[in-house]
Amino acid sequence: MDKGFVYTFEDEKIIEYMKLSTEDKLKWLEEINELTNAVLSDREKELREKLRACEI
């Protein structure tokens, strides 16, 4: 892969996440989105979207 990004998680972290209820997973996701939108500049948000689209 020559565009985008890759990351990995330890098995223990994946298992820990799998044990969460659906409600807890959605709450965690909502909190991460709120934090990200609060702290990123417009330029950083633009770059994030380009990463997600594998444009850079």
PDB file of N, CA and C in Angstrom:
ATOM      1  N   MET A   1       0.858  -1.170   0.000  1.00  0.00           N
ATOM      2  CA  MET A   1       0.000   0.000   0.000  1.00  0.00           C
ATOM      3  C   MET A   1       0.897   1.224   0.000  1.00  0.00           C
ATOM      4  N   ASP A   2       0.710   2.096  -0.970  1.00  0.00           N
ATOM      5  CA  ASP A   2       1.554   3.283  -1.071  1.00  0.00           C
ATOM      6  C   ASP A   2       0.819   4.567  -0.694  1.00  0.00           C
ATOM      7  N   LYS A   3      -0.452   4.453  -0.276  1.00  0.00           N
ATOM      8  CA  LYS A   3      -1.219   5.603   0.187  1.00  0.00           C
ATOM      9  C   LYS A   3      -1.999   5.207   1.422  1.00  0.00           C
ATOM     10  N   GLY A   4      -2.433   6.199   2.183  1.00  0.00           N
ATOM     11  CA  GLY A   4      -3.212   5.917   3.367  1.00  0.00           C
ATOM     12  C   GLY A   4      -2.325   5.609   4.552  1.00  0.00           C
ATOM     13  N   PHE A   5      -2.818   4.820   5.487  1.00  0.00           N
ATOM     14  CA  PHE A   5      -2.059   4.477   6.677  1.00  0.00           C
ATOM     15  C   PHE A   5      -2.483   3.115   7.199  1.00  0.00           C
ATOM     16  N   VAL A   6      -1.636   2.539   8.032  1.00  0.00           N
ATOM     17  CA  VAL A   6      -1.887   1.231   8.620  1.00  0.00           C
ATOM     18  C   VAL A   6      -1.553   1.312  10.101  1.00  0.00           C
ATOM     19  N   TYR A   7      -2.333   0.644  10.932  1.00  0.00           N
ATOM     20  CA  TYR A   7      -2.011   0.563  12.352  1.00  0.00           C
ATOM     21  C   TYR A   7      -2.451  -0.794  12.876  1.00  0.00           C
ATOM     22  N   THR A   8      -1.880  -1.190  13.988  1.00  0.00           N
ATOM     23  CA  THR A   8      -2.196  -2.493  14.573  1.00  0.00           C
ATOM     24  C   THR A   8      -2.548  -2.329  16.045  1.00  0.00           C
ATOM     25  N   PHE A   9      -3.208  -3.333  16.587  1.00  0.00           N
ATOM     26  CA  PHE A   9      -3.553  -3.383  18.003  1.00  0.00           C
ATOM     27  C   PHE A   9      -3.071  -4.703  18.579  1.00  0.00           C
ATOM     28  N   GLU A  10      -2.743  -4.679  19.852  1.00  0.00           N
ATOM     29  CA  GLU A  10      -2.390  -5.911  20.540  1.00  0.00           C
ATOM     30  C   GLU A  10      -3.658  -6.736  20.724  1.00  0.00           C
ATOM     31  N   ASP A  11      -3.513  -8.055  20.708  1.00  0.00           N
ATOM     32  CA  ASP A  11      -4.660  -8.945  20.863  1.00  0.00           C
ATOM     33  C   ASP A  11      -5.445  -8.647  22.138  1.00  0.00           C
ATOM     34  N   GLU A  12      -4.740  -8.330  23.219  1.00  0.00           N
ATOM     35  CA  GLU A  12      -5.400  -8.057  24.488  1.00  0.00           C
ATOM     36  C   GLU A  12      -6.349  -6.859  24.378  1.00  0.00           C
ATOM     37  N   LYS A  13      -5.925  -5.833  23.648  1.00  0.00           N
ATOM     38  CA  LYS A  13      -6.759  -4.649  23.477  1.00  0.00           C
ATOM     39  C   LYS A  13      -8.010  -4.976  22.652  1.00  0.00           C
ATOM     40  N   ILE A  14      -7.857  -5.807  21.655  1.00  0.00           N
ATOM     41  CA  ILE A  14      -9.001  -6.206  20.826  1.00  0.00           C
ATOM     42  C   ILE A  14      -9.993  -7.010  21.658  1.00  0.00           C
ATOM     43  N   ILE A  15      -9.489  -7.935  22.450  1.00  0.00           N
ATOM     44  CA  ILE A  15     -10.355  -8.751  23.309  1.00  0.00           C
ATOM     45  C   ILE A  15     -11.074  -7.873  24.329  1.00  0.00           C
ATOM     46  N   GLU A  16     -10.351  -6.922  24.910  1.00  0.00           N
ATOM     47  CA  GLU A  16     -10.941  -5.990  25.871  1.00  0.00           C
ATOM     48  C   GLU A  16     -12.072  -5.195  25.221  1.00  0.00           C
ATOM     49  N   TYR A  17     -11.851  -4.716  24.003  1.00  0.00           N
ATOM     50  CA  TYR A  17     -12.865  -3.954  23.283  1.00  0.00           C
ATOM     51  C   TYR A  17     -14.078  -4.827  22.963  1.00  0.00           C
ATOM     52  N   MET A  18     -13.839  -6.076  22.586  1.00  0.00           N
ATOM     53  CA  MET A  18     -14.936  -6.987  22.240  1.00  0.00           C
ATOM     54  C   MET A  18     -15.865  -7.228  23.428  1.00  0.00           C
ATOM     55  N   LYS A  19     -15.348  -7.100  24.633  1.00  0.00           N
ATOM     56  CA  LYS A  19     -16.148  -7.338  25.843  1.00  0.00           C
ATOM     57  C   LYS A  19     -17.093  -6.181  26.157  1.00  0.00           C
ATOM     58  N   LEU A  20     -16.867  -5.016  25.555  1.00  0.00           N
ATOM     59  CA  LEU A  20     -17.731  -3.863  25.803  1.00  0.00           C
ATOM     60  C   LEU A  20     -19.109  -4.089  25.195  1.00  0.00           C
ATOM     61  N   SER A  21     -20.110  -3.515  25.821  1.00  0.00           N
ATOM     62  CA  SER A  21     -21.458  -3.575  25.252  1.00  0.00           C
ATOM     63  C   SER A  21     -21.509  -2.678  24.013  1.00  0.00           C
ATOM     64  N   THR A  22     -22.512  -2.888  23.198  1.00  0.00           N
ATOM     65  CA  THR A  22     -22.699  -2.048  22.010  1.00  0.00           C
ATOM     66  C   THR A  22     -22.869  -0.595  22.428  1.00  0.00           C
ATOM     67  N   GLU A  23     -23.622  -0.361  23.496  1.00  0.00           N
ATOM     68  CA  GLU A  23     -23.831   1.001  23.986  1.00  0.00           C
ATOM     69  C   GLU A  23     -22.506   1.651  24.381  1.00  0.00           C
ATOM     70  N   ASP A  24     -21.648   0.904  25.073  1.00  0.00           N
ATOM     71  CA  ASP A  24     -20.347   1.440  25.482  1.00  0.00           C
ATOM     72  C   ASP A  24     -19.448   1.723  24.281  1.00  0.00           C
ATOM     73  N   LYS A  25     -19.499   0.857  23.278  1.00  0.00           N
ATOM     74  CA  LYS A  25     -18.703   1.074  22.066  1.00  0.00           C
ATOM     75  C   LYS A  25     -19.154   2.348  21.346  1.00  0.00           C
ATOM     76  N   LEU A  26     -20.461   2.538  21.245  1.00  0.00           N
ATOM     77  CA  LEU A  26     -20.984   3.729  20.577  1.00  0.00           C
ATOM     78  C   LEU A  26     -20.680   4.993  21.374  1.00  0.00           C
ATOM     79  N   LYS A  27     -20.761   4.907  22.707  1.00  0.00           N
ATOM     80  CA  LYS A  27     -20.430   6.045  23.555  1.00  0.00           C
ATOM     81  C   LYS A  27     -18.967   6.425  23.372  1.00  0.00           C
ATOM     82  N   TRP A  28     -18.079   5.423  23.346  1.00  0.00           N
ATOM     83  CA  TRP A  28     -16.645   5.660  23.150  1.00  0.00           C
ATOM     84  C   TRP A  28     -16.411   6.336  21.797  1.00  0.00           C
ATOM     85  N   LEU A  29     -17.057   5.833  20.760  1.00  0.00           N
ATOM     86  CA  LEU A  29     -16.903   6.400  19.423  1.00  0.00           C
ATOM     87  C   LEU A  29     -17.380   7.848  19.378  1.00  0.00           C
ATOM     88  N   GLU A  30     -18.516   8.119  19.997  1.00  0.00           N
ATOM     89  CA  GLU A  30     -19.051   9.480  20.029  1.00  0.00           C
ATOM     90  C   GLU A  30     -18.085  10.424  20.759  1.00  0.00           C
ATOM     91  N   GLU A  31     -17.526   9.976  21.874  1.00  0.00           N
ATOM     92  CA  GLU A  31     -16.589  10.805  22.632  1.00  0.00           C
ATOM     93  C   GLU A  31     -15.318  11.095  21.833  1.00  0.00           C
ATOM     94  N   ILE A  32     -14.814  10.096  21.123  1.00  0.00           N
ATOM     95  CA  ILE A  32     -13.615  10.284  20.302  1.00  0.00           C
ATOM     96  C   ILE A  32     -13.903  11.276  19.174  1.00  0.00           C
ATOM     97  N   ASN A  33     -15.065  11.153  18.546  1.00  0.00           N
ATOM     98  CA  ASN A  33     -15.433  12.078  17.470  1.00  0.00           C
ATOM     99  C   ASN A  33     -15.564  13.502  17.982  1.00  0.00           C
ATOM    100  N   GLU A  34     -16.188  13.680  19.140  1.00  0.00           N
ATOM    101  CA  GLU A  34     -16.333  15.015  19.714  1.00  0.00           C
ATOM    102  C   GLU A  34     -14.969  15.625  20.026  1.00  0.00           C
ATOM    103  N   LEU A  35     -14.090  14.835  20.632  1.00  0.00           N
ATOM    104  CA  LEU A  35     -12.752  15.317  20.963  1.00  0.00           C
ATOM    105  C   LEU A  35     -11.986  15.702  19.695  1.00  0.00           C
ATOM    106  N   THR A  36     -12.019  14.825  18.726  1.00  0.00           N
ATOM    107  CA  THR A  36     -11.297  15.077  17.475  1.00  0.00           C
ATOM    108  C   THR A  36     -11.787  16.345  16.802  1.00  0.00           C
ATOM    109  N   ASN A  37     -13.090  16.502  16.701  1.00  0.00           N
ATOM    110  CA  ASN A  37     -13.642  17.693  16.053  1.00  0.00           C
ATOM    111  C   ASN A  37     -13.357  18.963  16.839  1.00  0.00           C
ATOM    112  N   ALA A  38     -13.205  18.845  18.148  1.00  0.00           N
ATOM    113  CA  ALA A  38     -12.934  20.015  18.979  1.00  0.00           C
ATOM    114  C   ALA A  38     -11.485  20.486  18.876  1.00  0.00           C
ATOM    115  N   VAL A  39     -10.565  19.556  18.666  1.00  0.00           N
ATOM    116  CA  VAL A  39      -9.150  19.930  18.738  1.00  0.00           C
ATOM    117  C   VAL A  39      -8.455  20.078  17.382  1.00  0.00           C
ATOM    118  N   LEU A  40      -8.996  19.494  16.332  1.00  0.00           N
ATOM    119  CA  LEU A  40      -8.345  19.593  15.026  1.00  0.00           C
ATOM    120  C   LEU A  40      -8.701  20.902  14.327  1.00  0.00           C
ATOM    121  N   SER A  41      -7.721  21.462  13.644  1.00  0.00           N
ATOM    122  CA  SER A  41      -7.976  22.642  12.822  1.00  0.00           C
ATOM    123  C   SER A  41      -8.686  22.211  11.543  1.00  0.00           C
ATOM    124  N   ASP A  42      -9.221  23.172  10.806  1.00  0.00           N
ATOM    125  CA  ASP A  42      -9.865  22.849   9.531  1.00  0.00           C
ATOM    126  C   ASP A  42      -8.887  22.167   8.589  1.00  0.00           C
ATOM    127  N   ARG A  43      -7.634  22.631   8.579  1.00  0.00           N
ATOM    128  CA  ARG A  43      -6.606  22.027   7.717  1.00  0.00           C
ATOM    129  C   ARG A  43      -6.344  20.571   8.124  1.00  0.00           C
ATOM    130  N   GLU A  44      -6.273  20.321   9.421  1.00  0.00           N
ATOM    131  CA  GLU A  44      -6.051  18.957   9.901  1.00  0.00           C
ATOM    132  C   GLU A  44      -7.224  18.045   9.563  1.00  0.00           C
ATOM    133  N   LYS A  45      -8.427  18.575   9.657  1.00  0.00           N
ATOM    134  CA  LYS A  45      -9.614  17.797   9.287  1.00  0.00           C
ATOM    135  C   LYS A  45      -9.595  17.465   7.796  1.00  0.00           C
ATOM    136  N   GLU A  46      -9.163  18.420   6.993  1.00  0.00           N
ATOM    137  CA  GLU A  46      -9.046  18.197   5.545  1.00  0.00           C
ATOM    138  C   GLU A  46      -8.030  17.093   5.257  1.00  0.00           C
ATOM    139  N   LEU A  47      -6.891  17.149   5.930  1.00  0.00           N
ATOM    140  CA  LEU A  47      -5.869  16.118   5.745  1.00  0.00           C
ATOM    141  C   LEU A  47      -6.364  14.748   6.199  1.00  0.00           C
ATOM    142  N   ARG A  48      -7.104  14.718   7.305  1.00  0.00           N
ATOM    143  CA  ARG A  48      -7.663  13.458   7.803  1.00  0.00           C
ATOM    144  C   ARG A  48      -8.577  12.839   6.751  1.00  0.00           C
ATOM    145  N   GLU A  49      -9.418  13.657   6.138  1.00  0.00           N
ATOM    146  CA  GLU A  49     -10.333  13.148   5.110  1.00  0.00           C
ATOM    147  C   GLU A  49      -9.571  12.634   3.888  1.00  0.00           C
ATOM    148  N   LYS A  50      -8.488  13.307   3.530  1.00  0.00           N
ATOM    149  CA  LYS A  50      -7.678  12.842   2.407  1.00  0.00           C
ATOM    150  C   LYS A  50      -7.007  11.513   2.733  1.00  0.00           C
ATOM    151  N   LEU A  51      -6.562  11.346   3.975  1.00  0.00           N
ATOM    152  CA  LEU A  51      -5.997  10.057   4.409  1.00  0.00           C
ATOM    153  C   LEU A  51      -7.043   8.950   4.304  1.00  0.00           C
ATOM    154  N   ARG A  52      -8.242   9.244   4.785  1.00  0.00           N
ATOM    155  CA  ARG A  52      -9.305   8.252   4.753  1.00  0.00           C
ATOM    156  C   ARG A  52      -9.654   7.850   3.323  1.00  0.00           C
ATOM    157  N   ALA A  53      -9.560   8.792   2.416  1.00  0.00           N
ATOM    158  CA  ALA A  53      -9.883   8.527   1.008  1.00  0.00           C
ATOM    159  C   ALA A  53      -8.678   7.989   0.227  1.00  0.00           C
ATOM    160  N   CYS A  54      -7.556   7.771   0.937  1.00  0.00           N
ATOM    161  CA  CYS A  54      -6.315   7.288   0.310  1.00  0.00           C
ATOM    162  C   CYS A  54      -5.842   8.216  -0.807  1.00  0.00           C
ATOM    163  N   GLU A  55      -6.046   9.521  -0.611  1.00  0.00           N
ATOM    164  CA  GLU A  55      -5.589  10.505  -1.597  1.00  0.00           C
ATOM    165  C   GLU A  55      -4.167  10.966  -1.298  1.00  0.00           C
ATOM    166  N   ILE A  56      -3.699  10.695  -0.101  1.00  0.00           N
ATOM    167  CA  ILE A  56      -2.313  11.031   0.263  1.00  0.00           C
ATOM    168  C   ILE A  56      -1.695   9.850   0.987  1.00  0.00           C
TER     169      ILE A  56
END
